[in-house]
N, C-alpha and C. Protein backbone atom coordinates (compact mmCIF):
# COMPACT_ATOMS: atom_id res chain seq x y z
N MET A 1 -47.50 -179.38 -9.85
CA MET A 1 -47.49 -179.24 -11.29
C MET A 1 -47.14 -177.82 -11.69
N LYS A 2 -47.56 -176.81 -10.89
CA LYS A 2 -47.25 -175.44 -11.27
C LYS A 2 -45.76 -175.16 -11.21
N TYR A 3 -45.00 -175.96 -10.42
CA TYR A 3 -43.56 -175.74 -10.34
C TYR A 3 -42.81 -176.28 -11.55
N ALA A 4 -43.42 -177.21 -12.27
CA ALA A 4 -42.78 -177.78 -13.46
C ALA A 4 -42.53 -176.69 -14.50
N GLY A 5 -43.48 -175.80 -14.68
CA GLY A 5 -43.30 -174.70 -15.63
C GLY A 5 -42.19 -173.77 -15.19
N LEU A 6 -42.08 -173.51 -13.91
CA LEU A 6 -41.01 -172.66 -13.40
C LEU A 6 -39.65 -173.33 -13.58
N THR A 7 -39.60 -174.65 -13.39
CA THR A 7 -38.35 -175.38 -13.57
C THR A 7 -37.88 -175.30 -15.02
N VAL A 8 -38.78 -175.51 -15.95
CA VAL A 8 -38.44 -175.43 -17.38
C VAL A 8 -37.96 -174.02 -17.71
N LEU A 9 -38.64 -173.01 -17.21
CA LEU A 9 -38.26 -171.63 -17.46
C LEU A 9 -36.88 -171.34 -16.87
N ALA A 10 -36.62 -171.82 -15.66
CA ALA A 10 -35.32 -171.60 -15.03
C ALA A 10 -34.21 -172.29 -15.81
N LEU A 11 -34.44 -173.52 -16.28
CA LEU A 11 -33.44 -174.23 -17.07
C LEU A 11 -33.17 -173.51 -18.39
N ALA A 12 -34.21 -173.03 -19.02
CA ALA A 12 -34.04 -172.30 -20.28
C ALA A 12 -33.23 -171.03 -20.05
N PHE A 13 -33.52 -170.33 -18.96
CA PHE A 13 -32.79 -169.10 -18.66
C PHE A 13 -31.32 -169.40 -18.36
N SER A 14 -31.05 -170.45 -17.56
CA SER A 14 -29.67 -170.75 -17.21
C SER A 14 -28.89 -171.21 -18.43
N ALA A 15 -29.50 -171.94 -19.35
CA ALA A 15 -28.80 -172.36 -20.56
C ALA A 15 -28.47 -171.16 -21.43
N SER A 16 -29.40 -170.20 -21.52
CA SER A 16 -29.12 -169.03 -22.34
C SER A 16 -28.08 -168.13 -21.71
N ALA A 17 -27.92 -168.20 -20.40
CA ALA A 17 -26.91 -167.39 -19.73
C ALA A 17 -25.51 -167.80 -20.14
N TYR A 18 -25.34 -169.08 -20.52
CA TYR A 18 -24.03 -169.56 -20.94
C TYR A 18 -23.78 -169.36 -22.43
N ALA A 19 -24.81 -169.09 -23.18
CA ALA A 19 -24.65 -168.86 -24.61
C ALA A 19 -23.93 -167.53 -24.81
N GLN A 20 -23.05 -167.49 -25.78
CA GLN A 20 -22.32 -166.28 -26.06
C GLN A 20 -22.65 -165.81 -27.47
N THR A 21 -22.68 -164.52 -27.64
CA THR A 21 -22.86 -163.98 -28.97
C THR A 21 -21.56 -164.15 -29.75
N ASP A 22 -21.63 -164.00 -31.06
CA ASP A 22 -20.42 -164.08 -31.87
C ASP A 22 -19.42 -163.00 -31.43
N ALA A 23 -19.90 -161.81 -31.12
CA ALA A 23 -19.00 -160.72 -30.67
C ALA A 23 -18.28 -161.11 -29.39
N GLU A 24 -19.00 -161.76 -28.46
CA GLU A 24 -18.37 -162.20 -27.22
C GLU A 24 -17.36 -163.32 -27.47
N LEU A 25 -17.68 -164.23 -28.38
CA LEU A 25 -16.75 -165.31 -28.73
C LEU A 25 -15.48 -164.74 -29.37
N ILE A 26 -15.65 -163.76 -30.23
CA ILE A 26 -14.50 -163.12 -30.88
C ILE A 26 -13.62 -162.44 -29.84
N GLU A 27 -14.23 -161.67 -28.97
CA GLU A 27 -13.48 -160.97 -27.92
C GLU A 27 -12.72 -161.96 -27.04
N ARG A 28 -13.36 -163.03 -26.67
CA ARG A 28 -12.74 -164.05 -25.81
C ARG A 28 -11.56 -164.71 -26.53
N ALA A 29 -11.76 -165.15 -27.77
CA ALA A 29 -10.69 -165.83 -28.51
C ALA A 29 -9.50 -164.92 -28.73
N LEU A 30 -9.73 -163.65 -28.97
CA LEU A 30 -8.64 -162.72 -29.25
C LEU A 30 -7.79 -162.39 -28.03
N MET A 31 -8.21 -162.82 -26.85
CA MET A 31 -7.39 -162.59 -25.65
C MET A 31 -6.02 -163.24 -25.79
N ALA A 32 -5.92 -164.32 -26.56
CA ALA A 32 -4.64 -165.01 -26.74
C ALA A 32 -3.80 -164.41 -27.86
N ALA A 33 -4.38 -163.57 -28.68
CA ALA A 33 -3.66 -163.00 -29.83
C ALA A 33 -2.61 -161.99 -29.39
N PRO A 34 -1.49 -161.94 -30.10
CA PRO A 34 -0.50 -160.89 -29.81
C PRO A 34 -1.13 -159.51 -30.02
N ALA A 35 -0.90 -158.60 -29.10
CA ALA A 35 -1.54 -157.27 -29.14
C ALA A 35 -1.31 -156.57 -30.47
N ARG A 36 -0.11 -156.60 -30.99
CA ARG A 36 0.18 -155.84 -32.22
C ARG A 36 -0.43 -156.47 -33.47
N ALA A 37 -0.86 -157.74 -33.38
CA ALA A 37 -1.46 -158.42 -34.53
C ALA A 37 -2.97 -158.60 -34.39
N ARG A 38 -3.51 -158.23 -33.25
CA ARG A 38 -4.91 -158.53 -32.93
C ARG A 38 -5.89 -158.07 -34.01
N ASP A 39 -5.69 -156.91 -34.59
CA ASP A 39 -6.62 -156.39 -35.59
C ASP A 39 -6.61 -157.19 -36.89
N ALA A 40 -5.55 -157.98 -37.12
CA ALA A 40 -5.41 -158.73 -38.37
C ALA A 40 -5.70 -160.22 -38.21
N VAL A 41 -6.02 -160.66 -37.01
CA VAL A 41 -6.20 -162.09 -36.72
C VAL A 41 -7.64 -162.52 -37.00
N GLY A 42 -7.81 -163.69 -37.59
CA GLY A 42 -9.13 -164.26 -37.81
C GLY A 42 -9.59 -165.00 -36.57
N VAL A 43 -10.89 -165.24 -36.48
CA VAL A 43 -11.47 -165.98 -35.35
C VAL A 43 -12.46 -167.00 -35.91
N ILE A 44 -12.37 -168.22 -35.37
CA ILE A 44 -13.30 -169.28 -35.77
C ILE A 44 -14.06 -169.79 -34.56
N LYS A 45 -15.15 -170.48 -34.84
CA LYS A 45 -15.94 -171.18 -33.82
C LYS A 45 -16.07 -172.62 -34.29
N TRP A 46 -15.71 -173.55 -33.41
CA TRP A 46 -15.78 -174.97 -33.76
C TRP A 46 -17.21 -175.47 -33.67
N ASN A 47 -17.57 -176.33 -34.62
CA ASN A 47 -18.86 -177.02 -34.62
C ASN A 47 -18.69 -178.40 -33.99
N ASP A 48 -19.78 -179.02 -33.60
CA ASP A 48 -19.73 -180.34 -32.97
C ASP A 48 -19.13 -181.41 -33.87
N ASP A 49 -19.19 -181.22 -35.21
CA ASP A 49 -18.64 -182.22 -36.13
C ASP A 49 -17.17 -181.95 -36.49
N HIS A 50 -16.50 -181.07 -35.73
CA HIS A 50 -15.07 -180.76 -35.86
C HIS A 50 -14.75 -179.91 -37.09
N THR A 51 -15.78 -179.35 -37.69
CA THR A 51 -15.58 -178.33 -38.70
C THR A 51 -15.69 -176.99 -37.98
N TYR A 52 -15.51 -175.91 -38.71
CA TYR A 52 -15.58 -174.62 -38.04
C TYR A 52 -16.26 -173.59 -38.91
N GLU A 53 -16.71 -172.55 -38.26
CA GLU A 53 -17.29 -171.38 -38.92
C GLU A 53 -16.36 -170.20 -38.69
N THR A 54 -16.17 -169.41 -39.70
CA THR A 54 -15.36 -168.21 -39.54
C THR A 54 -16.24 -167.10 -38.98
N LEU A 55 -15.87 -166.61 -37.81
CA LEU A 55 -16.61 -165.51 -37.20
C LEU A 55 -16.05 -164.16 -37.62
N ARG A 56 -14.75 -164.15 -37.90
CA ARG A 56 -14.09 -162.92 -38.32
C ARG A 56 -12.94 -163.28 -39.24
N GLU A 57 -12.96 -162.74 -40.43
CA GLU A 57 -11.87 -162.95 -41.38
C GLU A 57 -10.63 -162.21 -40.89
N GLY A 58 -9.49 -162.82 -41.10
CA GLY A 58 -8.23 -162.17 -40.76
C GLY A 58 -7.51 -161.73 -42.02
N THR A 59 -6.54 -160.86 -41.84
CA THR A 59 -5.72 -160.41 -42.96
C THR A 59 -4.30 -160.94 -42.84
N ASN A 60 -4.05 -161.77 -41.83
CA ASN A 60 -2.78 -162.47 -41.73
C ASN A 60 -3.09 -163.95 -41.51
N PRO A 61 -2.11 -164.83 -41.48
CA PRO A 61 -2.39 -166.26 -41.39
C PRO A 61 -2.82 -166.76 -40.00
N MET A 62 -2.80 -165.90 -38.98
CA MET A 62 -3.14 -166.36 -37.64
C MET A 62 -4.65 -166.41 -37.44
N VAL A 63 -5.08 -167.44 -36.68
CA VAL A 63 -6.49 -167.61 -36.35
C VAL A 63 -6.57 -168.02 -34.88
N CYS A 64 -7.62 -167.52 -34.20
CA CYS A 64 -7.81 -167.82 -32.78
C CYS A 64 -9.15 -168.53 -32.58
N PHE A 65 -9.23 -169.31 -31.50
CA PHE A 65 -10.46 -170.05 -31.20
C PHE A 65 -10.48 -170.42 -29.73
N ASP A 66 -11.66 -170.79 -29.27
CA ASP A 66 -11.90 -171.16 -27.89
C ASP A 66 -11.91 -172.68 -27.76
N ARG A 67 -11.20 -173.23 -26.76
CA ARG A 67 -11.21 -174.67 -26.47
C ARG A 67 -11.69 -174.94 -25.05
N SER A 68 -12.27 -173.95 -24.41
CA SER A 68 -12.70 -174.06 -23.02
C SER A 68 -13.59 -175.28 -22.81
N GLY A 69 -13.27 -176.03 -21.77
CA GLY A 69 -14.10 -177.17 -21.40
C GLY A 69 -13.88 -178.43 -22.20
N GLN A 70 -13.10 -178.38 -23.28
CA GLN A 70 -12.81 -179.59 -24.05
C GLN A 70 -11.99 -180.54 -23.17
N LEU A 71 -12.07 -181.83 -23.38
CA LEU A 71 -11.31 -182.80 -22.60
C LEU A 71 -9.85 -182.37 -22.50
N GLY A 72 -9.35 -182.30 -21.29
CA GLY A 72 -7.97 -181.91 -21.07
C GLY A 72 -7.74 -180.41 -20.99
N GLU A 73 -8.79 -179.62 -21.19
CA GLU A 73 -8.66 -178.17 -21.15
C GLU A 73 -9.38 -177.61 -19.91
N PRO A 74 -8.84 -176.54 -19.35
CA PRO A 74 -9.51 -175.92 -18.19
C PRO A 74 -10.74 -175.13 -18.60
N ALA A 75 -11.39 -174.53 -17.63
CA ALA A 75 -12.62 -173.77 -17.87
C ALA A 75 -12.40 -172.61 -18.83
N PHE A 76 -11.22 -172.00 -18.81
CA PHE A 76 -10.88 -170.93 -19.76
C PHE A 76 -9.68 -171.39 -20.57
N SER A 77 -9.84 -171.50 -21.87
CA SER A 77 -8.77 -171.99 -22.74
C SER A 77 -8.98 -171.43 -24.14
N VAL A 78 -8.17 -170.44 -24.51
CA VAL A 78 -8.23 -169.86 -25.85
C VAL A 78 -6.86 -170.01 -26.51
N HIS A 79 -6.87 -170.20 -27.84
CA HIS A 79 -5.65 -170.51 -28.56
C HIS A 79 -5.59 -169.75 -29.87
N CYS A 80 -4.38 -169.45 -30.29
CA CYS A 80 -4.13 -168.86 -31.61
C CYS A 80 -3.01 -169.66 -32.27
N THR A 81 -3.14 -169.84 -33.58
CA THR A 81 -2.13 -170.54 -34.36
C THR A 81 -2.30 -170.16 -35.82
N SER A 82 -1.51 -170.76 -36.67
CA SER A 82 -1.60 -170.55 -38.11
C SER A 82 -2.84 -171.26 -38.66
N GLN A 83 -3.46 -170.67 -39.65
CA GLN A 83 -4.60 -171.32 -40.32
C GLN A 83 -4.21 -172.69 -40.85
N ALA A 84 -2.93 -172.85 -41.21
CA ALA A 84 -2.45 -174.13 -41.72
C ALA A 84 -2.54 -175.24 -40.67
N ASN A 85 -2.68 -174.89 -39.39
CA ASN A 85 -2.77 -175.88 -38.31
C ASN A 85 -4.19 -176.26 -37.96
N LEU A 86 -5.18 -175.71 -38.65
CA LEU A 86 -6.57 -176.04 -38.33
C LEU A 86 -6.92 -177.52 -38.56
N PRO A 87 -6.36 -178.19 -39.58
CA PRO A 87 -6.63 -179.63 -39.69
C PRO A 87 -6.13 -180.42 -38.47
N ARG A 88 -4.98 -180.04 -37.92
CA ARG A 88 -4.47 -180.69 -36.71
C ARG A 88 -5.38 -180.37 -35.52
N ALA A 89 -5.82 -179.12 -35.42
CA ALA A 89 -6.73 -178.74 -34.33
C ALA A 89 -8.05 -179.51 -34.44
N ALA A 90 -8.54 -179.70 -35.65
CA ALA A 90 -9.77 -180.48 -35.84
C ALA A 90 -9.54 -181.93 -35.42
N GLN A 91 -8.38 -182.47 -35.77
CA GLN A 91 -8.04 -183.84 -35.36
C GLN A 91 -7.98 -183.92 -33.83
N ASN A 92 -7.39 -182.91 -33.18
CA ASN A 92 -7.36 -182.88 -31.72
C ASN A 92 -8.76 -182.93 -31.13
N ARG A 93 -9.67 -182.14 -31.70
CA ARG A 93 -11.06 -182.12 -31.22
C ARG A 93 -11.73 -183.48 -31.42
N MET A 94 -11.49 -184.09 -32.57
CA MET A 94 -12.09 -185.40 -32.84
C MET A 94 -11.57 -186.43 -31.85
N TYR A 95 -10.26 -186.45 -31.61
CA TYR A 95 -9.69 -187.40 -30.66
C TYR A 95 -10.25 -187.17 -29.26
N ALA A 96 -10.41 -185.91 -28.86
CA ALA A 96 -10.96 -185.61 -27.53
C ALA A 96 -12.39 -186.11 -27.43
N ALA A 97 -13.18 -185.92 -28.48
CA ALA A 97 -14.58 -186.36 -28.48
C ALA A 97 -14.68 -187.89 -28.42
N GLU A 98 -13.70 -188.59 -28.98
CA GLU A 98 -13.71 -190.05 -29.01
C GLU A 98 -13.13 -190.67 -27.74
N SER A 99 -12.56 -189.86 -26.87
CA SER A 99 -11.85 -190.38 -25.69
C SER A 99 -12.67 -190.22 -24.42
N ALA A 100 -12.63 -191.24 -23.58
CA ALA A 100 -13.39 -191.22 -22.33
C ALA A 100 -12.72 -190.36 -21.27
N ASP A 101 -11.39 -190.26 -21.33
CA ASP A 101 -10.67 -189.48 -20.33
C ASP A 101 -9.32 -189.07 -20.91
N GLU A 102 -8.52 -188.34 -20.11
CA GLU A 102 -7.25 -187.82 -20.61
C GLU A 102 -6.25 -188.93 -20.93
N GLU A 103 -6.28 -190.02 -20.18
CA GLU A 103 -5.39 -191.15 -20.47
C GLU A 103 -5.72 -191.76 -21.84
N ALA A 104 -7.00 -191.93 -22.13
CA ALA A 104 -7.42 -192.45 -23.43
C ALA A 104 -7.06 -191.48 -24.55
N LEU A 105 -7.16 -190.18 -24.26
CA LEU A 105 -6.79 -189.17 -25.25
C LEU A 105 -5.30 -189.25 -25.57
N ARG A 106 -4.46 -189.36 -24.54
CA ARG A 106 -3.01 -189.49 -24.78
C ARG A 106 -2.71 -190.75 -25.59
N ALA A 107 -3.40 -191.84 -25.28
CA ALA A 107 -3.19 -193.10 -26.02
C ALA A 107 -3.60 -192.94 -27.48
N ARG A 108 -4.69 -192.23 -27.72
CA ARG A 108 -5.16 -192.00 -29.09
C ARG A 108 -4.15 -191.19 -29.88
N HIS A 109 -3.60 -190.14 -29.25
CA HIS A 109 -2.57 -189.33 -29.90
C HIS A 109 -1.33 -190.17 -30.21
N GLN A 110 -0.90 -190.99 -29.25
CA GLN A 110 0.28 -191.82 -29.43
C GLN A 110 0.08 -192.83 -30.55
N ALA A 111 -1.10 -193.44 -30.61
CA ALA A 111 -1.39 -194.40 -31.68
C ALA A 111 -1.32 -193.74 -33.05
N ALA A 112 -1.86 -192.54 -33.16
CA ALA A 112 -1.83 -191.82 -34.44
C ALA A 112 -0.40 -191.43 -34.81
N GLU A 113 0.39 -191.06 -33.80
CA GLU A 113 1.80 -190.73 -34.05
C GLU A 113 2.53 -191.96 -34.58
N GLU A 114 2.28 -193.10 -33.97
CA GLU A 114 2.96 -194.33 -34.35
C GLU A 114 2.52 -194.86 -35.71
N ASP A 115 1.23 -194.72 -36.05
CA ASP A 115 0.78 -195.26 -37.34
C ASP A 115 0.88 -194.24 -38.48
N GLY A 116 1.39 -193.05 -38.17
CA GLY A 116 1.61 -192.04 -39.20
C GLY A 116 0.38 -191.23 -39.60
N SER A 117 -0.73 -191.40 -38.89
CA SER A 117 -1.94 -190.66 -39.25
C SER A 117 -2.07 -189.31 -38.53
N ARG A 118 -1.11 -189.01 -37.66
CA ARG A 118 -1.15 -187.74 -36.93
C ARG A 118 -0.80 -186.61 -37.89
N ILE A 119 -1.66 -185.63 -37.98
CA ILE A 119 -1.42 -184.48 -38.86
C ILE A 119 -0.35 -183.61 -38.20
N ALA A 120 0.69 -183.30 -38.95
CA ALA A 120 1.77 -182.47 -38.42
C ALA A 120 1.40 -181.00 -38.54
N PRO A 121 1.87 -180.19 -37.58
CA PRO A 121 1.64 -178.75 -37.68
C PRO A 121 2.59 -178.13 -38.71
N GLU A 122 2.31 -176.92 -39.07
CA GLU A 122 3.17 -176.16 -39.98
C GLU A 122 4.49 -175.84 -39.27
N PHE A 123 5.59 -176.20 -39.91
CA PHE A 123 6.92 -175.96 -39.33
C PHE A 123 7.12 -174.46 -39.14
N GLY A 124 7.53 -174.08 -37.94
CA GLY A 124 7.81 -172.68 -37.63
C GLY A 124 6.60 -171.88 -37.19
N SER A 125 5.43 -172.51 -37.14
CA SER A 125 4.22 -171.79 -36.74
C SER A 125 4.13 -171.66 -35.23
N LEU A 126 3.46 -170.61 -34.81
CA LEU A 126 3.25 -170.37 -33.39
C LEU A 126 2.02 -171.08 -32.88
N PHE A 127 2.08 -171.48 -31.63
CA PHE A 127 0.91 -171.91 -30.86
C PHE A 127 0.91 -171.03 -29.62
N ILE A 128 -0.08 -170.18 -29.51
CA ILE A 128 -0.20 -169.29 -28.36
C ILE A 128 -1.47 -169.67 -27.62
N SER A 129 -1.35 -169.88 -26.33
CA SER A 129 -2.53 -170.24 -25.55
C SER A 129 -2.61 -169.40 -24.29
N MET A 130 -3.84 -169.25 -23.84
CA MET A 130 -4.13 -168.69 -22.52
C MET A 130 -5.06 -169.70 -21.86
N ARG A 131 -4.64 -170.22 -20.69
CA ARG A 131 -5.40 -171.28 -20.04
C ARG A 131 -5.44 -171.03 -18.54
N GLY A 132 -6.61 -171.31 -17.94
CA GLY A 132 -6.73 -171.20 -16.50
C GLY A 132 -8.17 -171.35 -16.06
N ALA A 133 -8.41 -171.11 -14.79
CA ALA A 133 -9.76 -171.21 -14.24
C ALA A 133 -10.68 -170.14 -14.83
N ASP A 134 -10.10 -169.00 -15.18
CA ASP A 134 -10.85 -167.90 -15.78
C ASP A 134 -9.86 -167.00 -16.52
N ALA A 135 -10.38 -166.02 -17.23
CA ALA A 135 -9.51 -165.14 -18.03
C ALA A 135 -8.52 -164.37 -17.16
N GLU A 136 -8.97 -163.96 -15.99
CA GLU A 136 -8.12 -163.15 -15.12
C GLU A 136 -6.92 -163.92 -14.58
N SER A 137 -7.07 -165.21 -14.36
CA SER A 137 -5.97 -166.01 -13.79
C SER A 137 -5.25 -166.86 -14.84
N ALA A 138 -5.64 -166.76 -16.10
CA ALA A 138 -5.05 -167.59 -17.15
C ALA A 138 -3.59 -167.23 -17.39
N ASN A 139 -2.80 -168.24 -17.69
CA ASN A 139 -1.40 -168.06 -18.05
C ASN A 139 -1.26 -168.10 -19.56
N ARG A 140 -0.40 -167.27 -20.10
CA ARG A 140 -0.10 -167.26 -21.53
C ARG A 140 1.13 -168.16 -21.75
N HIS A 141 1.08 -168.94 -22.83
CA HIS A 141 2.18 -169.82 -23.17
C HIS A 141 2.34 -169.83 -24.69
N THR A 142 3.57 -169.69 -25.15
CA THR A 142 3.85 -169.67 -26.59
C THR A 142 4.90 -170.72 -26.91
N THR A 143 4.64 -171.50 -27.97
CA THR A 143 5.62 -172.45 -28.48
C THR A 143 5.72 -172.27 -29.99
N ILE A 144 6.78 -172.82 -30.55
CA ILE A 144 6.99 -172.79 -32.00
C ILE A 144 7.06 -174.22 -32.49
N ALA A 145 6.17 -174.60 -33.40
CA ALA A 145 6.11 -175.96 -33.92
C ALA A 145 7.31 -176.25 -34.82
N VAL A 146 7.97 -177.36 -34.56
CA VAL A 146 9.09 -177.81 -35.38
C VAL A 146 8.98 -179.33 -35.56
N PRO A 147 7.90 -179.81 -36.19
CA PRO A 147 7.68 -181.25 -36.30
C PRO A 147 8.88 -181.97 -36.90
N GLY A 148 9.27 -183.07 -36.23
CA GLY A 148 10.39 -183.88 -36.69
C GLY A 148 11.76 -183.38 -36.27
N ALA A 149 11.84 -182.17 -35.77
CA ALA A 149 13.14 -181.60 -35.40
C ALA A 149 13.70 -182.27 -34.15
N THR A 150 15.00 -182.26 -34.07
CA THR A 150 15.70 -182.76 -32.88
C THR A 150 16.66 -181.68 -32.40
N GLY A 151 17.21 -181.89 -31.23
CA GLY A 151 18.20 -180.96 -30.72
C GLY A 151 19.37 -180.84 -31.68
N GLU A 152 19.77 -181.96 -32.24
CA GLU A 152 20.90 -181.97 -33.18
C GLU A 152 20.56 -181.19 -34.45
N SER A 153 19.35 -181.38 -34.99
CA SER A 153 19.01 -180.72 -36.25
C SER A 153 18.84 -179.20 -36.09
N LEU A 154 18.45 -178.76 -34.91
CA LEU A 154 18.25 -177.32 -34.69
C LEU A 154 19.33 -176.67 -33.83
N GLY A 155 20.19 -177.49 -33.23
CA GLY A 155 21.23 -176.93 -32.38
C GLY A 155 20.69 -176.37 -31.07
N LEU A 156 19.60 -176.95 -30.59
CA LEU A 156 19.01 -176.55 -29.31
C LEU A 156 19.00 -177.75 -28.36
N PRO A 157 19.05 -177.50 -27.06
CA PRO A 157 18.96 -178.62 -26.13
C PRO A 157 17.57 -179.26 -26.17
N GLU A 158 17.50 -180.50 -25.71
CA GLU A 158 16.23 -181.22 -25.67
C GLU A 158 15.67 -181.30 -24.25
N ASN A 159 16.17 -180.45 -23.38
CA ASN A 159 15.62 -180.36 -22.02
C ASN A 159 15.83 -178.94 -21.51
N PRO A 160 15.09 -178.57 -20.48
CA PRO A 160 15.16 -177.19 -20.00
C PRO A 160 16.36 -176.88 -19.11
N ASN A 161 17.19 -177.85 -18.82
CA ASN A 161 18.27 -177.66 -17.87
C ASN A 161 19.35 -176.69 -18.33
N ALA A 162 19.49 -176.47 -19.62
CA ALA A 162 20.53 -175.57 -20.13
C ALA A 162 20.13 -174.11 -20.00
N GLY A 163 18.85 -173.86 -19.69
CA GLY A 163 18.38 -172.47 -19.64
C GLY A 163 18.12 -171.99 -21.06
N GLY A 164 17.16 -171.18 -21.25
CA GLY A 164 16.82 -170.69 -22.57
C GLY A 164 15.87 -171.62 -23.30
N ALA A 165 15.71 -171.37 -24.58
CA ALA A 165 14.79 -172.16 -25.41
C ALA A 165 15.31 -173.59 -25.55
N TRP A 166 14.37 -174.55 -25.69
CA TRP A 166 14.73 -175.95 -25.84
C TRP A 166 13.64 -176.66 -26.62
N ILE A 167 13.95 -177.85 -27.15
CA ILE A 167 12.98 -178.63 -27.92
C ILE A 167 12.33 -179.66 -27.02
N MET A 168 11.02 -179.66 -27.02
CA MET A 168 10.25 -180.65 -26.28
C MET A 168 9.67 -181.65 -27.29
N GLN A 169 9.63 -182.91 -26.94
CA GLN A 169 9.11 -184.00 -27.76
C GLN A 169 9.84 -184.09 -29.11
N ALA A 170 11.15 -183.95 -29.04
CA ALA A 170 12.01 -183.97 -30.22
C ALA A 170 11.76 -185.21 -31.08
N GLY A 171 11.83 -185.02 -32.39
CA GLY A 171 11.72 -186.11 -33.35
C GLY A 171 10.30 -186.53 -33.68
N SER A 172 9.31 -185.96 -33.03
CA SER A 172 7.92 -186.33 -33.28
C SER A 172 7.17 -185.20 -33.98
N SER A 173 5.92 -185.47 -34.35
CA SER A 173 5.11 -184.39 -34.92
C SER A 173 4.76 -183.35 -33.87
N TYR A 174 4.96 -183.70 -32.60
CA TYR A 174 4.70 -182.78 -31.50
C TYR A 174 5.89 -181.88 -31.18
N ALA A 175 7.03 -182.11 -31.79
CA ALA A 175 8.23 -181.35 -31.46
C ALA A 175 7.96 -179.86 -31.55
N HIS A 176 8.37 -179.16 -30.50
CA HIS A 176 8.16 -177.72 -30.47
C HIS A 176 9.22 -177.06 -29.61
N ILE A 177 9.50 -175.81 -29.95
CA ILE A 177 10.46 -175.04 -29.16
C ILE A 177 9.71 -174.42 -28.00
N MET A 178 10.19 -174.72 -26.82
CA MET A 178 9.65 -174.13 -25.60
C MET A 178 10.35 -172.81 -25.37
N ILE A 179 9.57 -171.81 -25.07
CA ILE A 179 10.10 -170.47 -24.82
C ILE A 179 9.89 -170.16 -23.35
N PRO A 180 10.94 -170.23 -22.55
CA PRO A 180 10.77 -169.99 -21.12
C PRO A 180 10.16 -168.62 -20.83
N GLY A 181 9.31 -168.61 -19.83
CA GLY A 181 8.71 -167.35 -19.41
C GLY A 181 7.58 -166.86 -20.27
N SER A 182 7.17 -167.65 -21.26
CA SER A 182 6.09 -167.20 -22.14
C SER A 182 4.76 -167.77 -21.70
């Protein structure tokens, strides 16, 4: 019986070890922000109901947040995008919470795309992410949202074989310009 108290204490300590302060959350989320814009970027923290709290007001339209551990995301996953894309990000979180696995999540996204309920991102907005096992090994990736665009409408190839920038998922709300090496 005396060990039960120690077990509860150990569990409480280990749970608090994973809790982060707002300052730590801000620092972590800003790792994905462009260096020259970092001082002007806002930071949010997602709530379990897919709403968010503003941890730091920004003076430009970019906002960063943490997605670490969410379905389909690695242990370290921070993202920055336009504030206008937060409804789509909230929808992504809701779909992930409703899905049992990544296959179900992809099916949920596809169904929303087909029935027209998928929220489109802001045309021309950036999506910048850093993802990996940890911050030190994370890769940075940048895309530009061009919902509905095709190779013909933008004059870009729809595959990476031509070298240079290209459109991925052309014609859908997911359409985005891939930037090689980013």
